Amino acid sequence: MSILGNIFQVFATLKEGQIAEAQGKFAKQIAVRNQQALERQAKAEREAAGLEERRAARKEKIIKAAQRAVIGKSGIELAGATLSLLADTAFQFSLERNLILRQGLIRSRELIYQGQMELAKGRWAYTLGRQAKQLSYVKAGASILGAAGSSPQFGALTSGVSPSGALTATGRTSSGGYIFGR
């Protein structure tokens, strides 16, 4: 492979790493935005549940007032079955309001958890992108060293022996002496 080809390979490897890092960063940004949107949706679910609970409480007041009006108009005392009817109505509405709040809280928590998962996925994508960039440096270095090893000028440095076989990578001859000025 020519030196120019090796240069292009190194450049391409580094560029792949930069692209992977950018993709990871972008995925993380999207995940953060998705997580924030899910947090806003969770808050909206809690608020909606609160509104629905207040609506049910208002409905309870209207029904209980109507029941008291019917009881008052009929002249029946507030005791026994009449009192049990009013207590049961209050209990049923209390259950309904609690169920509404519980469902809103559950939906809210599910959305928050989903947002946390989105954020974790984004962080993971960002980490993979950074690792891919680091790996591109290693690959580029390997390409440079591979090119140097296959080049006749640099073969002695990587293989340990000069083309004549007299010089090792340490600069010693096979007889143990040093060669200077070569």
C-alpha atoms as a PDB file:
ATOM      1  CA  MET A   1       0.000   0.000   0.000  1.00  0.00           C
ATOM      2  CA  SER A   2       1.388   3.437  -0.845  1.00  0.00           C
ATOM      3  CA  ILE A   3       2.153   6.104   1.728  1.00  0.00           C
ATOM      4  CA  LEU A   4      -0.628   8.240   0.302  1.00  0.00           C
ATOM      5  CA  GLY A   5      -3.041   5.339   0.705  1.00  0.00           C
ATOM      6  CA  ASN A   6      -1.956   4.940   4.314  1.00  0.00           C
ATOM      7  CA  ILE A   7      -2.482   8.643   4.959  1.00  0.00           C
ATOM      8  CA  PHE A   8      -6.005   8.414   3.583  1.00  0.00           C
ATOM      9  CA  GLN A   9      -6.683   5.305   5.663  1.00  0.00           C
ATOM     10  CA  VAL A  10      -5.489   7.074   8.819  1.00  0.00           C
ATOM     11  CA  PHE A  11      -7.598  10.119   7.972  1.00  0.00           C
ATOM     12  CA  ALA A  12     -10.672   7.944   7.291  1.00  0.00           C
ATOM     13  CA  THR A  13     -10.202   6.045  10.541  1.00  0.00           C
ATOM     14  CA  LEU A  14      -9.953   9.275  12.539  1.00  0.00           C
ATOM     15  CA  LYS A  15     -12.973  10.702  10.729  1.00  0.00           C
ATOM     16  CA  GLU A  16     -15.015   7.568  11.548  1.00  0.00           C
ATOM     17  CA  GLY A  17     -14.174   8.108  15.200  1.00  0.00           C
ATOM     18  CA  GLN A  18     -15.230  11.752  15.057  1.00  0.00           C
ATOM     19  CA  ILE A  19     -18.495  10.800  13.359  1.00  0.00           C
ATOM     20  CA  ALA A  20     -19.190   8.082  15.944  1.00  0.00           C
ATOM     21  CA  GLU A  21     -18.542  10.558  18.752  1.00  0.00           C
ATOM     22  CA  ALA A  22     -20.849  13.130  17.133  1.00  0.00           C
ATOM     23  CA  GLN A  23     -23.579  10.516  16.682  1.00  0.00           C
ATOM     24  CA  GLY A  24     -23.251   9.497  20.321  1.00  0.00           C
ATOM     25  CA  LYS A  25     -23.408  13.110  21.452  1.00  0.00           C
ATOM     26  CA  PHE A  26     -26.490  13.715  19.298  1.00  0.00           C
ATOM     27  CA  ALA A  27     -28.187  10.569  20.621  1.00  0.00           C
ATOM     28  CA  LYS A  28     -27.498  11.729  24.163  1.00  0.00           C
ATOM     29  CA  GLN A  29     -28.986  15.166  23.432  1.00  0.00           C
ATOM     30  CA  ILE A  30     -32.115  13.571  21.990  1.00  0.00           C
ATOM     31  CA  ALA A  31     -32.383  11.277  25.008  1.00  0.00           C
ATOM     32  CA  VAL A  32     -32.072  14.242  27.387  1.00  0.00           C
ATOM     33  CA  ARG A  33     -34.838  16.070  25.521  1.00  0.00           C
ATOM     34  CA  ASN A  34     -37.023  12.944  25.524  1.00  0.00           C
ATOM     35  CA  GLN A  35     -36.414  12.496  29.247  1.00  0.00           C
ATOM     36  CA  GLN A  36     -37.347  16.133  29.898  1.00  0.00           C
ATOM     37  CA  ALA A  37     -40.515  15.752  27.815  1.00  0.00           C
ATOM     38  CA  LEU A  38     -41.474  12.635  29.762  1.00  0.00           C
ATOM     39  CA  GLU A  39     -40.874  14.484  33.042  1.00  0.00           C
ATOM     40  CA  ARG A  40     -43.197  17.274  31.841  1.00  0.00           C
ATOM     41  CA  GLN A  41     -45.772  14.673  30.827  1.00  0.00           C
ATOM     42  CA  ALA A  42     -45.469  13.022  34.259  1.00  0.00           C
ATOM     43  CA  LYS A  43     -46.097  16.372  35.925  1.00  0.00           C
ATOM     44  CA  ALA A  44     -49.105  16.923  33.665  1.00  0.00           C
ATOM     45  CA  GLU A  45     -50.447  13.472  34.635  1.00  0.00           C
ATOM     46  CA  ARG A  46     -50.193  14.356  38.326  1.00  0.00           C
ATOM     47  CA  GLU A  47     -51.894  17.694  37.732  1.00  0.00           C
ATOM     48  CA  ALA A  48     -54.640  16.054  35.657  1.00  0.00           C
ATOM     49  CA  ALA A  49     -55.221  13.513  38.409  1.00  0.00           C
ATOM     50  CA  GLY A  50     -55.506  16.364  40.915  1.00  0.00           C
ATOM     51  CA  LEU A  51     -58.055  18.119  38.712  1.00  0.00           C
ATOM     52  CA  GLU A  52     -60.004  14.905  38.219  1.00  0.00           C
ATOM     53  CA  GLU A  53     -59.969  14.298  41.972  1.00  0.00           C
ATOM     54  CA  ARG A  54     -61.340  17.810  42.600  1.00  0.00           C
ATOM     55  CA  ARG A  55     -64.036  17.190  39.975  1.00  0.00           C
ATOM     56  CA  ALA A  56     -65.025  13.978  41.770  1.00  0.00           C
ATOM     57  CA  ALA A  57     -65.066  15.833  45.122  1.00  0.00           C
ATOM     58  CA  ARG A  58     -67.385  18.478  43.635  1.00  0.00           C
ATOM     59  CA  LYS A  59     -69.644  15.765  42.215  1.00  0.00           C
ATOM     60  CA  GLU A  60     -69.699  14.160  45.673  1.00  0.00           C
ATOM     61  CA  LYS A  61     -70.812  17.431  47.265  1.00  0.00           C
ATOM     62  CA  ILE A  62     -73.604  17.851  44.725  1.00  0.00           C
ATOM     63  CA  ILE A  63     -74.887  14.287  45.180  1.00  0.00           C
ATOM     64  CA  LYS A  64     -74.687  14.456  48.986  1.00  0.00           C
ATOM     65  CA  ALA A  65     -76.495  17.817  48.967  1.00  0.00           C
ATOM     66  CA  ALA A  66     -79.214  16.340  46.735  1.00  0.00           C
ATOM     67  CA  GLN A  67     -79.518  13.343  49.069  1.00  0.00           C
ATOM     68  CA  ARG A  68     -79.832  15.627  52.112  1.00  0.00           C
ATOM     69  CA  ALA A  69     -82.425  17.713  50.291  1.00  0.00           C
ATOM     70  CA  VAL A  70     -84.521  14.626  49.500  1.00  0.00           C
ATOM     71  CA  ILE A  71     -84.173  13.446  53.111  1.00  0.00           C
ATOM     72  CA  GLY A  72     -85.062  16.891  54.460  1.00  0.00           C
ATOM     73  CA  LYS A  73     -88.064  17.225  52.138  1.00  0.00           C
ATOM     74  CA  SER A  74     -89.372  13.812  53.143  1.00  0.00           C
ATOM     75  CA  GLY A  75     -89.110  14.614  56.845  1.00  0.00           C
ATOM     76  CA  ILE A  76     -87.104  11.482  57.668  1.00  0.00           C
ATOM     77  CA  GLU A  77     -84.530  11.793  60.453  1.00  0.00           C
ATOM     78  CA  LEU A  78     -80.813  11.449  59.818  1.00  0.00           C
ATOM     79  CA  ALA A  79     -80.475   8.093  61.479  1.00  0.00           C
ATOM     80  CA  GLY A  80     -80.335   4.405  60.580  1.00  0.00           C
ATOM     81  CA  ALA A  81     -80.614   3.637  56.879  1.00  0.00           C
ATOM     82  CA  THR A  82     -80.610   7.291  55.889  1.00  0.00           C
ATOM     83  CA  LEU A  83     -77.363   7.922  57.693  1.00  0.00           C
ATOM     84  CA  SER A  84     -75.912   4.702  56.228  1.00  0.00           C
ATOM     85  CA  LEU A  85     -76.829   5.895  52.728  1.00  0.00           C
ATOM     86  CA  LEU A  86     -75.009   9.188  53.249  1.00  0.00           C
ATOM     87  CA  ALA A  87     -71.982   7.429  54.779  1.00  0.00           C
ATOM     88  CA  ASP A  88     -71.853   4.928  51.903  1.00  0.00           C
ATOM     89  CA  THR A  89     -72.027   7.737  49.358  1.00  0.00           C
ATOM     90  CA  ALA A  90     -69.136   9.516  51.098  1.00  0.00           C
ATOM     91  CA  PHE A  91     -67.133   6.280  51.233  1.00  0.00           C
ATOM     92  CA  GLN A  92     -67.678   5.499  47.548  1.00  0.00           C
ATOM     93  CA  PHE A  93     -66.588   8.969  46.501  1.00  0.00           C
ATOM     94  CA  SER A  94     -63.567   8.738  48.781  1.00  0.00           C
ATOM     95  CA  LEU A  95     -62.570   5.498  47.045  1.00  0.00           C
ATOM     96  CA  GLU A  96     -63.074   7.082  43.639  1.00  0.00           C
ATOM     97  CA  ARG A  97     -60.946  10.127  44.525  1.00  0.00           C
ATOM     98  CA  ASN A  98     -58.171   7.932  45.926  1.00  0.00           C
ATOM     99  CA  LEU A  99     -58.255   5.720  42.838  1.00  0.00           C
ATOM    100  CA  ILE A 100     -57.990   8.763  40.572  1.00  0.00           C
ATOM    101  CA  LEU A 101     -54.980  10.072  42.491  1.00  0.00           C
ATOM    102  CA  ARG A 102     -53.347   6.644  42.599  1.00  0.00           C
ATOM    103  CA  GLN A 103     -53.754   6.121  38.848  1.00  0.00           C
ATOM    104  CA  GLY A 104     -52.258   9.555  38.174  1.00  0.00           C
ATOM    105  CA  LEU A 105     -49.325   8.799  40.435  1.00  0.00           C
ATOM    106  CA  ILE A 106     -48.719   5.416  38.799  1.00  0.00           C
ATOM    107  CA  ARG A 107     -48.826   6.922  35.290  1.00  0.00           C
ATOM    108  CA  SER A 108     -46.506   9.677  36.453  1.00  0.00           C
ATOM    109  CA  ARG A 109     -43.987   7.234  37.895  1.00  0.00           C
ATOM    110  CA  GLU A 110     -44.082   5.120  34.738  1.00  0.00           C
ATOM    111  CA  LEU A 111     -43.287   8.189  32.651  1.00  0.00           C
ATOM    112  CA  ILE A 112     -40.456   9.208  34.967  1.00  0.00           C
ATOM    113  CA  TYR A 113     -38.992   5.701  34.769  1.00  0.00           C
ATOM    114  CA  GLN A 114     -39.327   5.729  30.988  1.00  0.00           C
ATOM    115  CA  GLY A 115     -37.509   9.064  30.953  1.00  0.00           C
ATOM    116  CA  GLN A 116     -34.712   7.648  33.098  1.00  0.00           C
ATOM    117  CA  MET A 117     -34.347   4.754  30.674  1.00  0.00           C
ATOM    118  CA  GLU A 118     -34.191   7.172  27.722  1.00  0.00           C
ATOM    119  CA  LEU A 119     -31.497   9.162  29.479  1.00  0.00           C
ATOM    120  CA  ALA A 120     -29.515   6.000  30.258  1.00  0.00           C
ATOM    121  CA  LYS A 121     -29.710   4.946  26.591  1.00  0.00           C
ATOM    122  CA  GLY A 122     -28.459   8.372  25.527  1.00  0.00           C
ATOM    123  CA  ARG A 123     -25.573   8.273  27.967  1.00  0.00           C
ATOM    124  CA  TRP A 124     -24.676   4.794  26.716  1.00  0.00           C
ATOM    125  CA  ALA A 125     -24.744   5.973  23.094  1.00  0.00           C
ATOM    126  CA  TYR A 126     -22.496   8.878  24.038  1.00  0.00           C
ATOM    127  CA  THR A 127     -20.078   6.525  25.809  1.00  0.00           C
ATOM    128  CA  LEU A 128     -19.989   4.214  22.783  1.00  0.00           C
ATOM    129  CA  GLY A 129     -19.287   7.197  20.539  1.00  0.00           C
ATOM    130  CA  ARG A 130     -16.395   8.345  22.724  1.00  0.00           C
ATOM    131  CA  GLN A 131     -14.998   4.805  22.821  1.00  0.00           C
ATOM    132  CA  ALA A 132     -15.280   4.559  19.030  1.00  0.00           C
ATOM    133  CA  LYS A 133     -13.328   7.790  18.717  1.00  0.00           C
ATOM    134  CA  GLN A 134     -10.626   6.462  21.052  1.00  0.00           C
ATOM    135  CA  LEU A 135     -10.523   3.241  19.077  1.00  0.00           C
ATOM    136  CA  SER A 136     -10.088   5.237  15.868  1.00  0.00           C
ATOM    137  CA  TYR A 137      -6.871   6.685  17.305  1.00  0.00           C
ATOM    138  CA  VAL A 138      -5.618   3.187  18.045  1.00  0.00           C
ATOM    139  CA  LYS A 139      -6.556   2.007  14.545  1.00  0.00           C
ATOM    140  CA  ALA A 140      -4.901   5.056  12.986  1.00  0.00           C
ATOM    141  CA  GLY A 141      -1.757   4.396  15.011  1.00  0.00           C
ATOM    142  CA  ALA A 142      -1.802   0.768  13.927  1.00  0.00           C
ATOM    143  CA  SER A 143      -2.133   1.858  10.293  1.00  0.00           C
ATOM    144  CA  ILE A 144       0.839   4.180  10.671  1.00  0.00           C
ATOM    145  CA  LEU A 145       2.935   1.483  12.313  1.00  0.00           C
ATOM    146  CA  GLY A 146       1.836  -1.042   9.701  1.00  0.00           C
ATOM    147  CA  ALA A 147       2.845   1.331   6.947  1.00  0.00           C
ATOM    148  CA  ALA A 148       6.176   1.983   8.631  1.00  0.00           C
ATOM    149  CA  GLY A 149       6.768  -1.752   8.978  1.00  0.00           C
ATOM    150  CA  SER A 150       6.100  -2.449   5.341  1.00  0.00           C
ATOM    151  CA  SER A 151       8.230   0.445   4.115  1.00  0.00           C
ATOM    152  CA  PRO A 152      11.826  -0.486   3.111  1.00  0.00           C
ATOM    153  CA  GLN A 153      13.134   2.637   4.852  1.00  0.00           C
ATOM    154  CA  PHE A 154      11.535   1.811   8.199  1.00  0.00           C
ATOM    155  CA  GLY A 155      11.521  -1.980   8.079  1.00  0.00           C
ATOM    156  CA  ALA A 156      14.606  -2.261  10.264  1.00  0.00           C
ATOM    157  CA  LEU A 157      12.944  -0.339  13.056  1.00  0.00           C
ATOM    158  CA  THR A 158       9.911  -2.563  13.248  1.00  0.00           C
ATOM    159  CA  SER A 159      11.383  -5.921  12.354  1.00  0.00           C
ATOM    160  CA  GLY A 160      14.608  -5.603  14.326  1.00  0.00           C
ATOM    161  CA  VAL A 161      16.922  -6.458  11.402  1.00  0.00           C
ATOM    162  CA  SER A 162      18.174  -4.272   8.582  1.00  0.00           C
ATOM    163  CA  PRO A 163      17.838  -5.450   5.000  1.00  0.00           C
ATOM    164  CA  SER A 164      21.512  -6.512   5.118  1.00  0.00           C
ATOM    165  CA  GLY A 165      20.881  -8.462   8.344  1.00  0.00           C
ATOM    166  CA  ALA A 166      23.702  -6.719  10.229  1.00  0.00           C
ATOM    167  CA  LEU A 167      21.799  -4.256  12.432  1.00  0.00           C
ATOM    168  CA  THR A 168      19.220  -5.082  15.096  1.00  0.00           C
ATOM    169  CA  ALA A 169      16.562  -2.649  16.372  1.00  0.00           C
ATOM    170  CA  THR A 170      18.878  -1.742  19.268  1.00  0.00           C
ATOM    171  CA  GLY A 171      21.601  -0.590  16.872  1.00  0.00           C
ATOM    172  CA  ARG A 172      23.901  -3.550  17.568  1.00  0.00           C
ATOM    173  CA  THR A 173      25.483  -5.757  14.995  1.00  0.00           C
ATOM    174  CA  SER A 174      25.089  -9.493  15.198  1.00  0.00           C
ATOM    175  CA  SER A 175      28.561  -9.646  16.740  1.00  0.00           C
ATOM    176  CA  GLY A 176      27.455  -7.333  19.590  1.00  0.00           C
ATOM    177  CA  GLY A 177      29.161  -4.097  18.497  1.00  0.00           C
ATOM    178  CA  TYR A 178      27.445  -0.814  17.714  1.00  0.00           C
ATOM    179  CA  ILE A 179      27.253   0.759  14.290  1.00  0.00           C
ATOM    180  CA  PHE A 180      27.165   4.545  14.133  1.00  0.00           C
ATOM    181  CA  GLY A 181      26.505   6.796  11.180  1.00  0.00           C
ATOM    182  CA  ARG A 182      24.489   4.361   9.144  1.00  0.00           C
END
